[in-house]
Each structure stands twice: as structure tokens, then as C-alpha cells.
Amino acid sequence: MTSDDERRTAILEAAADVFATKGFSGATTAEIAKLARVSKRDLYDHFESKEGLLAAMVRAYSTTLPFADDLGSPDTVDAFLDLLGKFGRRFAADLCQPYRTALFRLAASEAGRVNELGKAIHEAGAGPVGASVRTFIGKAIAAGVLKPQDADLAMRAFFGVLVGESHVWQIVGATNAPTDEEIAVSADMAVEAVRRIIAS
């Protein structure tokens, strides 16, 4: 590896593998460095501690979640619901990827000991995604497609039906990741929930 960026990426990828299989407590920086094919000195040049490495890894993976920024400005109810459904399929498919679920599971199990994790997940993932959805919703309100007083209920219903408790059960290992067909069904149901709120 010839650059700091390459070394950093290799360390993060190795950390994801080791943390997912050994847990935070069972993982060692020596094992992570060996898998990344870097020295422990290289690892500590990039990350000051194992806790910092875990937080950086969660942050890096969280930033790949789909955003709603590219959905455009819907000018009809049908256009709004169509775009919302497309975003929902992308979001649910990415959120439920096994590697991401393993990281969420790890973050949840270590949250009491590694206080940065919850903050890192929110700041890098949930926060920006939520902001992008609010921007999209704002465009729908400006176009007269959605009433301002319905916006919060519509989004809570949408995400509740789209992922809801099924994602929690996946994180705790009670269920497998949903298939593409199951995600499509959930997205359609989530859109229908929003349609009913708009029509009420």
C-alpha cells in the first residue's frame, strides 16, 4: 500500500471483519493490523485507540446509506408517492444488508462501553438521511402535494411500515435479511400508508 488513504481503508475493512466475528472485546489491534497488512504503528497513526477505530468504522459505513436528495421536486401526489416508493426500496435494501446489520448489532452491544458509537451512527447515517427526507418532504409541501400538518405522521408511518420492528428482529438475529420481493412489498405498503394519510 502506497498511500495513507489506502492504509486507512484497509484498516477499516479489516476492523469490520474482526469486530463482526470476534466482537469488540475479543478483537485486538494486532489482529486487525495483521489482516489489513499494516503495522500496529500504521494503525495507531490513523486511529488513536480501538474505540476510535470502531467509531470511525461505523461512521464510514453509515455514510453509504441512500439519501433522498436526488429525488427531485414532486408536483403531484402520484409523483410524490412514486419517488417515495423508489427511495424506500433503496433505503430498506441497503439498511438490511448483512454487513450493515452486523455493524448495527456490534454497535448496540458495545454502546454502553463505547459511548461514541450511537453518536457516530446518528451523525453520519440517521441524521443526514433524515435531513434529506425532510428536504424532500419540504418540496412536496411547497408544491401543495402534502399538507404541513400531515408531514410528520406521514414519515413516521412510512418508515414504521418500511422497516419497523423487522429490522430490530434482524439485528438481534431472530430473522434473516428480507428478500428483494419482501422489501418491495414493504415499500408498497409504506407508500399506501402515506397515500391514506394524504387522502384523509
N, C-alpha and C. Protein backbone atom coordinates (compact mmCIF):
# COMPACT_ATOMS: atom_id res chain seq x y z
N MET A 1 0.85 -1.18 0.00
CA MET A 1 0.00 0.00 0.00
C MET A 1 0.88 1.24 0.00
N THR A 2 0.55 2.19 -0.85
CA THR A 2 1.43 3.33 -1.05
C THR A 2 0.90 4.63 -0.47
N SER A 3 -0.35 4.69 -0.08
CA SER A 3 -0.89 5.95 0.41
C SER A 3 -1.58 5.76 1.76
N ASP A 4 -1.69 6.87 2.49
CA ASP A 4 -2.38 6.84 3.77
C ASP A 4 -3.84 6.44 3.61
N ASP A 5 -4.47 6.92 2.52
CA ASP A 5 -5.88 6.58 2.28
C ASP A 5 -6.06 5.09 2.09
N GLU A 6 -5.15 4.46 1.35
CA GLU A 6 -5.24 3.02 1.13
C GLU A 6 -5.05 2.25 2.44
N ARG A 7 -4.11 2.70 3.24
CA ARG A 7 -3.89 2.04 4.53
C ARG A 7 -5.11 2.20 5.44
N ARG A 8 -5.66 3.41 5.45
CA ARG A 8 -6.83 3.67 6.30
C ARG A 8 -8.00 2.79 5.87
N THR A 9 -8.24 2.70 4.56
CA THR A 9 -9.33 1.87 4.05
C THR A 9 -9.12 0.41 4.40
N ALA A 10 -7.89 -0.07 4.25
CA ALA A 10 -7.59 -1.47 4.57
C ALA A 10 -7.81 -1.75 6.05
N ILE A 11 -7.44 -0.81 6.90
CA ILE A 11 -7.63 -0.98 8.34
C ILE A 11 -9.12 -1.03 8.69
N LEU A 12 -9.91 -0.13 8.09
CA LEU A 12 -11.35 -0.11 8.36
C LEU A 12 -12.01 -1.40 7.90
N GLU A 13 -11.64 -1.90 6.72
CA GLU A 13 -12.22 -3.14 6.21
C GLU A 13 -11.83 -4.32 7.10
N ALA A 14 -10.59 -4.35 7.53
CA ALA A 14 -10.15 -5.43 8.41
C ALA A 14 -10.87 -5.34 9.76
N ALA A 15 -11.03 -4.14 10.27
CA ALA A 15 -11.72 -3.96 11.55
C ALA A 15 -13.16 -4.45 11.46
N ALA A 16 -13.83 -4.16 10.34
CA ALA A 16 -15.21 -4.62 10.16
C ALA A 16 -15.28 -6.14 10.26
N ASP A 17 -14.34 -6.83 9.62
CA ASP A 17 -14.33 -8.29 9.65
C ASP A 17 -14.06 -8.81 11.06
N VAL A 18 -13.05 -8.26 11.71
CA VAL A 18 -12.64 -8.76 13.02
C VAL A 18 -13.69 -8.44 14.08
N PHE A 19 -14.21 -7.21 14.09
CA PHE A 19 -15.22 -6.85 15.07
C PHE A 19 -16.49 -7.68 14.89
N ALA A 20 -16.86 -7.93 13.62
CA ALA A 20 -18.08 -8.68 13.35
C ALA A 20 -17.96 -10.14 13.81
N THR A 21 -16.76 -10.70 13.74
CA THR A 21 -16.59 -12.10 14.10
C THR A 21 -16.17 -12.30 15.56
N LYS A 22 -15.41 -11.36 16.10
CA LYS A 22 -14.87 -11.53 17.45
C LYS A 22 -15.54 -10.64 18.49
N GLY A 23 -16.32 -9.64 18.02
CA GLY A 23 -16.86 -8.66 18.96
C GLY A 23 -15.79 -7.65 19.32
N PHE A 24 -16.22 -6.58 19.97
CA PHE A 24 -15.26 -5.53 20.30
C PHE A 24 -14.25 -6.00 21.34
N SER A 25 -14.74 -6.64 22.39
CA SER A 25 -13.85 -7.07 23.47
C SER A 25 -12.87 -8.14 23.00
N GLY A 26 -13.32 -9.02 22.11
CA GLY A 26 -12.46 -10.11 21.67
C GLY A 26 -11.47 -9.72 20.58
N ALA A 27 -11.69 -8.60 19.95
CA ALA A 27 -10.81 -8.16 18.86
C ALA A 27 -9.56 -7.49 19.42
N THR A 28 -8.46 -7.64 18.72
CA THR A 28 -7.22 -6.97 19.10
C THR A 28 -6.72 -6.14 17.94
N THR A 29 -6.04 -5.05 18.27
CA THR A 29 -5.47 -4.20 17.21
C THR A 29 -4.40 -4.97 16.43
N ALA A 30 -3.71 -5.90 17.11
CA ALA A 30 -2.69 -6.70 16.42
C ALA A 30 -3.33 -7.54 15.32
N GLU A 31 -4.47 -8.15 15.63
CA GLU A 31 -5.17 -8.98 14.65
C GLU A 31 -5.69 -8.14 13.49
N ILE A 32 -6.21 -6.95 13.81
CA ILE A 32 -6.72 -6.06 12.77
C ILE A 32 -5.58 -5.60 11.86
N ALA A 33 -4.46 -5.22 12.47
CA ALA A 33 -3.30 -4.77 11.68
C ALA A 33 -2.79 -5.90 10.78
N LYS A 34 -2.75 -7.10 11.31
CA LYS A 34 -2.27 -8.24 10.52
C LYS A 34 -3.17 -8.49 9.32
N LEU A 35 -4.51 -8.47 9.55
CA LEU A 35 -5.44 -8.70 8.45
C LEU A 35 -5.36 -7.58 7.41
N ALA A 36 -5.10 -6.36 7.87
CA ALA A 36 -5.01 -5.22 6.95
C ALA A 36 -3.65 -5.14 6.27
N ARG A 37 -2.70 -5.96 6.73
CA ARG A 37 -1.33 -5.97 6.19
C ARG A 37 -0.64 -4.63 6.40
N VAL A 38 -0.82 -4.12 7.61
CA VAL A 38 -0.11 -2.91 8.01
C VAL A 38 0.50 -3.18 9.39
N SER A 39 1.38 -2.29 9.83
CA SER A 39 1.96 -2.43 11.16
C SER A 39 1.03 -1.83 12.20
N LYS A 40 1.23 -2.22 13.45
CA LYS A 40 0.42 -1.62 14.53
C LYS A 40 0.70 -0.12 14.60
N ARG A 41 1.90 0.28 14.27
CA ARG A 41 2.22 1.71 14.27
C ARG A 41 1.39 2.43 13.22
N ASP A 42 1.24 1.81 12.04
CA ASP A 42 0.38 2.40 11.00
C ASP A 42 -1.04 2.55 11.51
N LEU A 43 -1.52 1.50 12.18
CA LEU A 43 -2.90 1.54 12.70
C LEU A 43 -3.07 2.71 13.67
N TYR A 44 -2.12 2.85 14.61
CA TYR A 44 -2.25 3.91 15.60
C TYR A 44 -1.94 5.29 15.05
N ASP A 45 -1.28 5.35 13.89
CA ASP A 45 -1.10 6.64 13.22
C ASP A 45 -2.43 7.18 12.72
N HIS A 46 -3.35 6.26 12.38
CA HIS A 46 -4.65 6.65 11.84
C HIS A 46 -5.74 6.69 12.90
N PHE A 47 -5.64 5.83 13.90
CA PHE A 47 -6.69 5.72 14.91
C PHE A 47 -6.04 5.65 16.28
N GLU A 48 -6.45 6.54 17.18
CA GLU A 48 -5.76 6.67 18.47
C GLU A 48 -6.05 5.52 19.41
N SER A 49 -7.14 4.79 19.17
CA SER A 49 -7.50 3.69 20.07
C SER A 49 -8.42 2.72 19.35
N LYS A 50 -8.65 1.58 19.98
CA LYS A 50 -9.59 0.61 19.41
C LYS A 50 -10.99 1.19 19.39
N GLU A 51 -11.34 1.97 20.42
CA GLU A 51 -12.65 2.62 20.45
C GLU A 51 -12.81 3.62 19.31
N GLY A 52 -11.74 4.39 19.05
CA GLY A 52 -11.78 5.35 17.96
C GLY A 52 -11.89 4.67 16.61
N LEU A 53 -11.23 3.52 16.47
CA LEU A 53 -11.30 2.75 15.23
C LEU A 53 -12.72 2.23 15.01
N LEU A 54 -13.35 1.74 16.05
CA LEU A 54 -14.72 1.24 15.93
C LEU A 54 -15.67 2.36 15.54
N ALA A 55 -15.53 3.51 16.18
CA ALA A 55 -16.40 4.64 15.85
C ALA A 55 -16.19 5.09 14.41
N ALA A 56 -14.94 5.14 13.95
CA ALA A 56 -14.64 5.54 12.58
C ALA A 56 -15.21 4.54 11.58
N MET A 57 -15.14 3.25 11.92
CA MET A 57 -15.67 2.22 11.05
C MET A 57 -17.19 2.36 10.90
N VAL A 58 -17.88 2.56 12.02
CA VAL A 58 -19.33 2.74 11.97
C VAL A 58 -19.67 3.99 11.17
N ARG A 59 -18.92 5.06 11.38
CA ARG A 59 -19.16 6.30 10.66
C ARG A 59 -18.97 6.10 9.15
N ALA A 60 -17.92 5.40 8.76
CA ALA A 60 -17.64 5.18 7.34
C ALA A 60 -18.75 4.37 6.67
N TYR A 61 -19.23 3.34 7.35
CA TYR A 61 -20.29 2.52 6.76
C TYR A 61 -21.64 3.23 6.78
N SER A 62 -21.87 4.08 7.77
CA SER A 62 -23.15 4.78 7.86
C SER A 62 -23.32 5.78 6.73
N THR A 63 -22.23 6.37 6.27
CA THR A 63 -22.34 7.42 5.24
C THR A 63 -22.72 6.86 3.87
N THR A 64 -22.76 5.55 3.71
CA THR A 64 -23.13 4.98 2.40
C THR A 64 -24.64 4.75 2.28
N LEU A 65 -25.41 5.06 3.31
CA LEU A 65 -26.86 4.89 3.22
C LEU A 65 -27.44 5.79 2.12
N PRO A 66 -28.49 5.34 1.44
CA PRO A 66 -29.09 6.17 0.38
C PRO A 66 -29.73 7.43 0.96
N PHE A 67 -29.59 8.51 0.22
CA PHE A 67 -30.20 9.78 0.61
C PHE A 67 -31.34 10.11 -0.34
N ALA A 68 -32.19 11.04 0.10
CA ALA A 68 -33.34 11.43 -0.71
C ALA A 68 -33.08 12.71 -1.49
N ASP A 69 -31.83 13.17 -1.51
CA ASP A 69 -31.51 14.45 -2.14
C ASP A 69 -31.75 14.46 -3.64
N ASP A 70 -31.64 13.29 -4.27
CA ASP A 70 -31.72 13.22 -5.73
C ASP A 70 -33.12 12.86 -6.24
N LEU A 71 -34.12 12.99 -5.39
CA LEU A 71 -35.46 12.56 -5.78
C LEU A 71 -36.23 13.61 -6.59
N GLY A 72 -35.73 14.82 -6.63
CA GLY A 72 -36.42 15.84 -7.42
C GLY A 72 -37.54 16.49 -6.64
N SER A 73 -38.36 17.26 -7.36
CA SER A 73 -39.46 18.01 -6.74
C SER A 73 -40.79 17.50 -7.29
N PRO A 74 -41.50 16.69 -6.53
CA PRO A 74 -42.78 16.13 -7.00
C PRO A 74 -43.85 17.21 -7.09
N ASP A 75 -44.61 17.21 -8.19
CA ASP A 75 -45.66 18.22 -8.35
C ASP A 75 -47.06 17.64 -8.32
N THR A 76 -47.15 16.30 -8.14
CA THR A 76 -48.45 15.65 -7.99
C THR A 76 -48.33 14.60 -6.90
N VAL A 77 -49.47 14.18 -6.36
CA VAL A 77 -49.46 13.15 -5.33
C VAL A 77 -48.87 11.85 -5.87
N ASP A 78 -49.25 11.47 -7.08
CA ASP A 78 -48.73 10.23 -7.66
C ASP A 78 -47.22 10.28 -7.84
N ALA A 79 -46.70 11.42 -8.29
CA ALA A 79 -45.26 11.57 -8.46
C ALA A 79 -44.54 11.48 -7.12
N PHE A 80 -45.12 12.12 -6.11
CA PHE A 80 -44.55 12.09 -4.77
C PHE A 80 -44.49 10.66 -4.24
N LEU A 81 -45.58 9.94 -4.37
CA LEU A 81 -45.63 8.57 -3.85
C LEU A 81 -44.72 7.64 -4.64
N ASP A 82 -44.62 7.86 -5.94
CA ASP A 82 -43.73 7.03 -6.77
C ASP A 82 -42.28 7.22 -6.34
N LEU A 83 -41.86 8.47 -6.16
CA LEU A 83 -40.49 8.76 -5.75
C LEU A 83 -40.22 8.24 -4.34
N LEU A 84 -41.21 8.38 -3.47
CA LEU A 84 -41.06 7.88 -2.10
C LEU A 84 -40.88 6.37 -2.09
N GLY A 85 -41.63 5.67 -2.94
CA GLY A 85 -41.50 4.22 -3.03
C GLY A 85 -40.14 3.80 -3.54
N LYS A 86 -39.62 4.51 -4.52
CA LYS A 86 -38.29 4.19 -5.06
C LYS A 86 -37.21 4.39 -4.00
N PHE A 87 -37.32 5.50 -3.28
CA PHE A 87 -36.36 5.74 -2.20
C PHE A 87 -36.48 4.65 -1.13
N GLY A 88 -37.71 4.29 -0.78
CA GLY A 88 -37.92 3.27 0.24
C GLY A 88 -37.29 1.94 -0.10
N ARG A 89 -37.40 1.53 -1.37
CA ARG A 89 -36.78 0.26 -1.79
C ARG A 89 -35.26 0.33 -1.63
N ARG A 90 -34.66 1.44 -2.08
CA ARG A 90 -33.21 1.60 -1.99
C ARG A 90 -32.76 1.63 -0.53
N PHE A 91 -33.49 2.39 0.27
CA PHE A 91 -33.11 2.55 1.68
C PHE A 91 -33.20 1.22 2.42
N ALA A 92 -34.31 0.52 2.28
CA ALA A 92 -34.50 -0.73 3.01
C ALA A 92 -33.50 -1.79 2.56
N ALA A 93 -33.23 -1.85 1.26
CA ALA A 93 -32.28 -2.85 0.74
C ALA A 93 -30.89 -2.61 1.32
N ASP A 94 -30.49 -1.36 1.40
CA ASP A 94 -29.16 -1.05 1.93
C ASP A 94 -29.11 -1.22 3.44
N LEU A 95 -30.14 -0.76 4.12
CA LEU A 95 -30.17 -0.86 5.58
C LEU A 95 -30.10 -2.30 6.06
N CYS A 96 -30.69 -3.20 5.30
CA CYS A 96 -30.79 -4.60 5.73
C CYS A 96 -29.68 -5.49 5.19
N GLN A 97 -28.66 -4.90 4.58
CA GLN A 97 -27.52 -5.69 4.12
C GLN A 97 -26.88 -6.39 5.33
N PRO A 98 -26.51 -7.65 5.20
CA PRO A 98 -25.95 -8.38 6.34
C PRO A 98 -24.75 -7.70 6.99
N TYR A 99 -23.84 -7.11 6.19
CA TYR A 99 -22.67 -6.48 6.79
C TYR A 99 -23.07 -5.27 7.63
N ARG A 100 -24.09 -4.52 7.16
CA ARG A 100 -24.52 -3.37 7.93
C ARG A 100 -25.25 -3.82 9.20
N THR A 101 -26.04 -4.88 9.09
CA THR A 101 -26.73 -5.40 10.27
C THR A 101 -25.72 -5.86 11.31
N ALA A 102 -24.63 -6.49 10.87
CA ALA A 102 -23.59 -6.93 11.80
C ALA A 102 -22.98 -5.74 12.53
N LEU A 103 -22.81 -4.63 11.83
CA LEU A 103 -22.25 -3.44 12.46
C LEU A 103 -23.23 -2.82 13.44
N PHE A 104 -24.51 -2.77 13.07
CA PHE A 104 -25.52 -2.26 14.00
C PHE A 104 -25.57 -3.14 15.25
N ARG A 105 -25.49 -4.43 15.04
CA ARG A 105 -25.54 -5.37 16.17
C ARG A 105 -24.35 -5.13 17.10
N LEU A 106 -23.19 -4.95 16.50
CA LEU A 106 -21.99 -4.69 17.27
C LEU A 106 -22.10 -3.36 18.01
N ALA A 107 -22.57 -2.34 17.31
CA ALA A 107 -22.70 -1.02 17.94
C ALA A 107 -23.67 -1.07 19.11
N ALA A 108 -24.77 -1.80 18.95
CA ALA A 108 -25.75 -1.91 20.03
C ALA A 108 -25.18 -2.64 21.23
N SER A 109 -24.42 -3.69 20.97
CA SER A 109 -23.87 -4.49 22.08
C SER A 109 -22.77 -3.76 22.82
N GLU A 110 -22.08 -2.84 22.13
CA GLU A 110 -20.96 -2.14 22.75
C GLU A 110 -21.30 -0.72 23.16
N ALA A 111 -22.55 -0.29 22.95
CA ALA A 111 -22.89 1.12 23.17
C ALA A 111 -22.64 1.57 24.60
N GLY A 112 -22.84 0.69 25.57
CA GLY A 112 -22.62 1.07 26.96
C GLY A 112 -21.17 1.29 27.29
N ARG A 113 -20.26 0.64 26.55
CA ARG A 113 -18.84 0.76 26.83
C ARG A 113 -18.15 1.75 25.90
N VAL A 114 -18.69 1.90 24.68
CA VAL A 114 -18.07 2.79 23.70
C VAL A 114 -19.06 3.90 23.39
N ASN A 115 -19.00 4.96 24.12
CA ASN A 115 -20.03 5.98 24.08
C ASN A 115 -20.13 6.73 22.76
N GLU A 116 -19.07 6.67 21.94
CA GLU A 116 -19.08 7.39 20.68
C GLU A 116 -19.98 6.74 19.63
N LEU A 117 -20.30 5.48 19.80
CA LEU A 117 -20.94 4.74 18.73
C LEU A 117 -22.31 5.26 18.34
N GLY A 118 -23.19 5.42 19.32
CA GLY A 118 -24.53 5.91 19.00
C GLY A 118 -24.48 7.27 18.33
N LYS A 119 -23.62 8.14 18.84
CA LYS A 119 -23.47 9.47 18.25
C LYS A 119 -22.94 9.38 16.83
N ALA A 120 -21.96 8.49 16.61
CA ALA A 120 -21.38 8.34 15.28
C ALA A 120 -22.42 7.84 14.29
N ILE A 121 -23.22 6.86 14.69
CA ILE A 121 -24.26 6.32 13.81
C ILE A 121 -25.26 7.40 13.44
N HIS A 122 -25.68 8.19 14.43
CA HIS A 122 -26.68 9.22 14.16
C HIS A 122 -26.10 10.34 13.30
N GLU A 123 -24.91 10.82 13.65
CA GLU A 123 -24.33 11.95 12.92
C GLU A 123 -23.99 11.59 11.47
N ALA A 124 -23.54 10.37 11.24
CA ALA A 124 -23.10 10.00 9.90
C ALA A 124 -24.19 9.33 9.07
N GLY A 125 -25.17 8.73 9.73
CA GLY A 125 -26.19 7.98 8.99
C GLY A 125 -27.59 8.50 9.15
N ALA A 126 -28.18 8.22 10.32
CA ALA A 126 -29.59 8.56 10.54
C ALA A 126 -29.86 10.05 10.42
N GLY A 127 -28.97 10.88 10.96
CA GLY A 127 -29.17 12.32 10.91
C GLY A 127 -29.23 12.87 9.49
N PRO A 128 -28.18 12.64 8.68
CA PRO A 128 -28.20 13.15 7.30
C PRO A 128 -29.30 12.55 6.44
N VAL A 129 -29.58 11.25 6.60
CA VAL A 129 -30.67 10.65 5.83
C VAL A 129 -31.99 11.31 6.20
N GLY A 130 -32.22 11.49 7.49
CA GLY A 130 -33.44 12.15 7.94
C GLY A 130 -33.56 13.57 7.40
N ALA A 131 -32.43 14.29 7.38
CA ALA A 131 -32.43 15.66 6.86
C ALA A 131 -32.77 15.68 5.37
N SER A 132 -32.24 14.70 4.64
CA SER A 132 -32.51 14.65 3.20
C SER A 132 -33.99 14.35 2.94
N VAL A 133 -34.58 13.49 3.76
CA VAL A 133 -36.00 13.18 3.61
C VAL A 133 -36.85 14.40 3.95
N ARG A 134 -36.46 15.14 4.99
CA ARG A 134 -37.20 16.35 5.35
C ARG A 134 -37.15 17.39 4.23
N THR A 135 -36.01 17.46 3.55
CA THR A 135 -35.90 18.38 2.40
C THR A 135 -36.85 17.97 1.30
N PHE A 136 -36.91 16.66 1.02
CA PHE A 136 -37.83 16.14 0.01
C PHE A 136 -39.27 16.41 0.39
N ILE A 137 -39.59 16.20 1.65
CA ILE A 137 -40.95 16.46 2.14
C ILE A 137 -41.27 17.95 2.02
N GLY A 138 -40.29 18.79 2.31
CA GLY A 138 -40.50 20.23 2.17
C GLY A 138 -40.86 20.62 0.75
N LYS A 139 -40.25 19.96 -0.23
CA LYS A 139 -40.57 20.22 -1.63
C LYS A 139 -42.02 19.82 -1.94
N ALA A 140 -42.44 18.69 -1.36
CA ALA A 140 -43.81 18.23 -1.57
C ALA A 140 -44.81 19.20 -0.95
N ILE A 141 -44.48 19.72 0.22
CA ILE A 141 -45.35 20.70 0.87
C ILE A 141 -45.43 21.97 0.05
N ALA A 142 -44.27 22.44 -0.44
CA ALA A 142 -44.23 23.66 -1.25
C ALA A 142 -45.05 23.52 -2.52
N ALA A 143 -45.10 22.29 -3.05
CA ALA A 143 -45.85 22.05 -4.28
C ALA A 143 -47.34 21.82 -4.01
N GLY A 144 -47.73 21.81 -2.74
CA GLY A 144 -49.13 21.59 -2.40
C GLY A 144 -49.55 20.14 -2.43
N VAL A 145 -48.58 19.24 -2.50
CA VAL A 145 -48.88 17.81 -2.57
C VAL A 145 -49.18 17.23 -1.19
N LEU A 146 -48.53 17.79 -0.17
CA LEU A 146 -48.66 17.27 1.20
C LEU A 146 -48.95 18.44 2.13
N LYS A 147 -49.92 18.25 3.03
CA LYS A 147 -50.24 19.29 4.00
C LYS A 147 -49.18 19.30 5.10
N PRO A 148 -48.73 20.49 5.51
CA PRO A 148 -47.69 20.56 6.55
C PRO A 148 -48.04 19.76 7.79
N GLN A 149 -49.30 19.80 8.20
CA GLN A 149 -49.70 19.11 9.44
C GLN A 149 -49.68 17.59 9.30
N ASP A 150 -49.59 17.10 8.06
CA ASP A 150 -49.55 15.65 7.83
C ASP A 150 -48.13 15.12 7.66
N ALA A 151 -47.15 16.01 7.55
CA ALA A 151 -45.80 15.60 7.17
C ALA A 151 -45.17 14.64 8.19
N ASP A 152 -45.22 14.98 9.47
CA ASP A 152 -44.58 14.15 10.48
C ASP A 152 -45.25 12.78 10.57
N LEU A 153 -46.57 12.76 10.58
CA LEU A 153 -47.30 11.49 10.65
C LEU A 153 -47.00 10.64 9.42
N ALA A 154 -46.96 11.26 8.26
CA ALA A 154 -46.70 10.52 7.02
C ALA A 154 -45.33 9.85 7.06
N MET A 155 -44.31 10.57 7.52
CA MET A 155 -42.97 10.00 7.54
C MET A 155 -42.81 8.93 8.62
N ARG A 156 -43.44 9.16 9.76
CA ARG A 156 -43.39 8.12 10.80
C ARG A 156 -44.07 6.84 10.33
N ALA A 157 -45.20 7.00 9.65
CA ALA A 157 -45.91 5.84 9.12
C ALA A 157 -45.09 5.16 8.05
N PHE A 158 -44.47 5.96 7.18
CA PHE A 158 -43.69 5.40 6.08
C PHE A 158 -42.54 4.54 6.60
N PHE A 159 -41.71 5.09 7.46
CA PHE A 159 -40.56 4.33 7.95
C PHE A 159 -40.98 3.22 8.91
N GLY A 160 -42.06 3.44 9.64
CA GLY A 160 -42.55 2.40 10.53
C GLY A 160 -42.99 1.16 9.78
N VAL A 161 -43.68 1.36 8.67
CA VAL A 161 -44.13 0.22 7.86
C VAL A 161 -42.97 -0.35 7.04
N LEU A 162 -42.10 0.51 6.55
CA LEU A 162 -41.00 0.07 5.69
C LEU A 162 -40.02 -0.84 6.41
N VAL A 163 -39.58 -0.45 7.60
CA VAL A 163 -38.60 -1.26 8.32
C VAL A 163 -39.11 -1.69 9.69
N GLY A 164 -39.65 -0.74 10.44
CA GLY A 164 -40.28 -1.06 11.72
C GLY A 164 -39.53 -2.05 12.57
N GLU A 165 -40.28 -2.94 13.18
CA GLU A 165 -39.68 -3.92 14.08
C GLU A 165 -38.92 -5.02 13.35
N SER A 166 -39.17 -5.19 12.06
CA SER A 166 -38.47 -6.24 11.32
C SER A 166 -36.97 -6.04 11.33
N HIS A 167 -36.53 -4.78 11.29
CA HIS A 167 -35.09 -4.51 11.33
C HIS A 167 -34.52 -4.84 12.71
N VAL A 168 -35.29 -4.57 13.75
CA VAL A 168 -34.84 -4.91 15.10
C VAL A 168 -34.65 -6.42 15.22
N TRP A 169 -35.62 -7.19 14.71
CA TRP A 169 -35.52 -8.64 14.78
C TRP A 169 -34.33 -9.15 13.96
N GLN A 170 -34.04 -8.47 12.86
CA GLN A 170 -32.86 -8.86 12.07
C GLN A 170 -31.58 -8.59 12.85
N ILE A 171 -31.51 -7.46 13.53
CA ILE A 171 -30.31 -7.11 14.29
C ILE A 171 -30.07 -8.11 15.42
N VAL A 172 -31.13 -8.55 16.09
CA VAL A 172 -30.94 -9.49 17.20
C VAL A 172 -30.81 -10.93 16.71
N GLY A 173 -30.88 -11.14 15.40
CA GLY A 173 -30.64 -12.47 14.83
C GLY A 173 -31.85 -13.37 14.78
N ALA A 174 -33.04 -12.82 15.03
CA ALA A 174 -34.24 -13.65 15.02
C ALA A 174 -34.75 -13.93 13.61
N THR A 175 -34.42 -13.04 12.67
CA THR A 175 -34.85 -13.23 11.28
C THR A 175 -33.69 -12.94 10.34
N ASN A 176 -33.82 -13.41 9.12
CA ASN A 176 -32.81 -13.15 8.10
C ASN A 176 -33.11 -11.83 7.40
N ALA A 177 -32.17 -11.37 6.60
CA ALA A 177 -32.39 -10.17 5.80
C ALA A 177 -33.55 -10.42 4.85
N PRO A 178 -34.40 -9.41 4.62
CA PRO A 178 -35.54 -9.60 3.71
C PRO A 178 -35.07 -9.77 2.27
N THR A 179 -35.86 -10.50 1.49
CA THR A 179 -35.56 -10.65 0.07
C THR A 179 -35.98 -9.38 -0.67
N ASP A 180 -35.57 -9.28 -1.92
CA ASP A 180 -35.97 -8.14 -2.74
C ASP A 180 -37.49 -8.06 -2.85
N GLU A 181 -38.13 -9.22 -2.97
CA GLU A 181 -39.59 -9.25 -3.08
C GLU A 181 -40.25 -8.76 -1.78
N GLU A 182 -39.70 -9.16 -0.65
CA GLU A 182 -40.25 -8.73 0.64
C GLU A 182 -40.05 -7.23 0.84
N ILE A 183 -38.91 -6.72 0.41
CA ILE A 183 -38.65 -5.28 0.51
C ILE A 183 -39.64 -4.52 -0.36
N ALA A 184 -39.89 -5.02 -1.57
CA ALA A 184 -40.84 -4.36 -2.48
C ALA A 184 -42.24 -4.32 -1.87
N VAL A 185 -42.65 -5.41 -1.24
CA VAL A 185 -43.97 -5.46 -0.60
C VAL A 185 -44.04 -4.44 0.54
N SER A 186 -42.99 -4.39 1.37
CA SER A 186 -42.97 -3.44 2.48
C SER A 186 -42.99 -2.00 1.97
N ALA A 187 -42.25 -1.72 0.89
CA ALA A 187 -42.23 -0.37 0.33
C ALA A 187 -43.60 0.01 -0.20
N ASP A 188 -44.27 -0.93 -0.87
CA ASP A 188 -45.61 -0.65 -1.38
C ASP A 188 -46.60 -0.38 -0.24
N MET A 189 -46.48 -1.15 0.83
CA MET A 189 -47.36 -0.95 1.98
C MET A 189 -47.07 0.40 2.66
N ALA A 190 -45.80 0.77 2.73
CA ALA A 190 -45.42 2.05 3.34
C ALA A 190 -45.98 3.21 2.52
N VAL A 191 -45.90 3.09 1.20
CA VAL A 191 -46.44 4.12 0.32
C VAL A 191 -47.96 4.20 0.47
N GLU A 192 -48.60 3.06 0.59
CA GLU A 192 -50.06 3.04 0.77
C GLU A 192 -50.46 3.72 2.07
N ALA A 193 -49.66 3.53 3.11
CA ALA A 193 -49.96 4.19 4.39
C ALA A 193 -49.91 5.70 4.23
N VAL A 194 -48.91 6.19 3.47
CA VAL A 194 -48.79 7.63 3.24
C VAL A 194 -49.94 8.12 2.36
N ARG A 195 -50.32 7.32 1.38
CA ARG A 195 -51.43 7.69 0.50
C ARG A 195 -52.72 7.91 1.31
N ARG A 196 -52.97 7.04 2.25
CA ARG A 196 -54.17 7.15 3.07
C ARG A 196 -54.14 8.39 3.96
N ILE A 197 -52.95 8.72 4.45
CA ILE A 197 -52.83 9.94 5.27
C ILE A 197 -53.10 11.17 4.43
N ILE A 198 -52.54 11.20 3.22
CA ILE A 198 -52.77 12.34 2.33
C ILE A 198 -54.25 12.48 1.99
N ALA A 199 -54.90 11.33 1.78
CA ALA A 199 -56.31 11.36 1.35
C ALA A 199 -57.28 11.65 2.48
N SER A 200 -56.83 11.54 3.71
CA SER A 200 -57.76 11.71 4.85
C SER A 200 -58.13 13.18 5.07
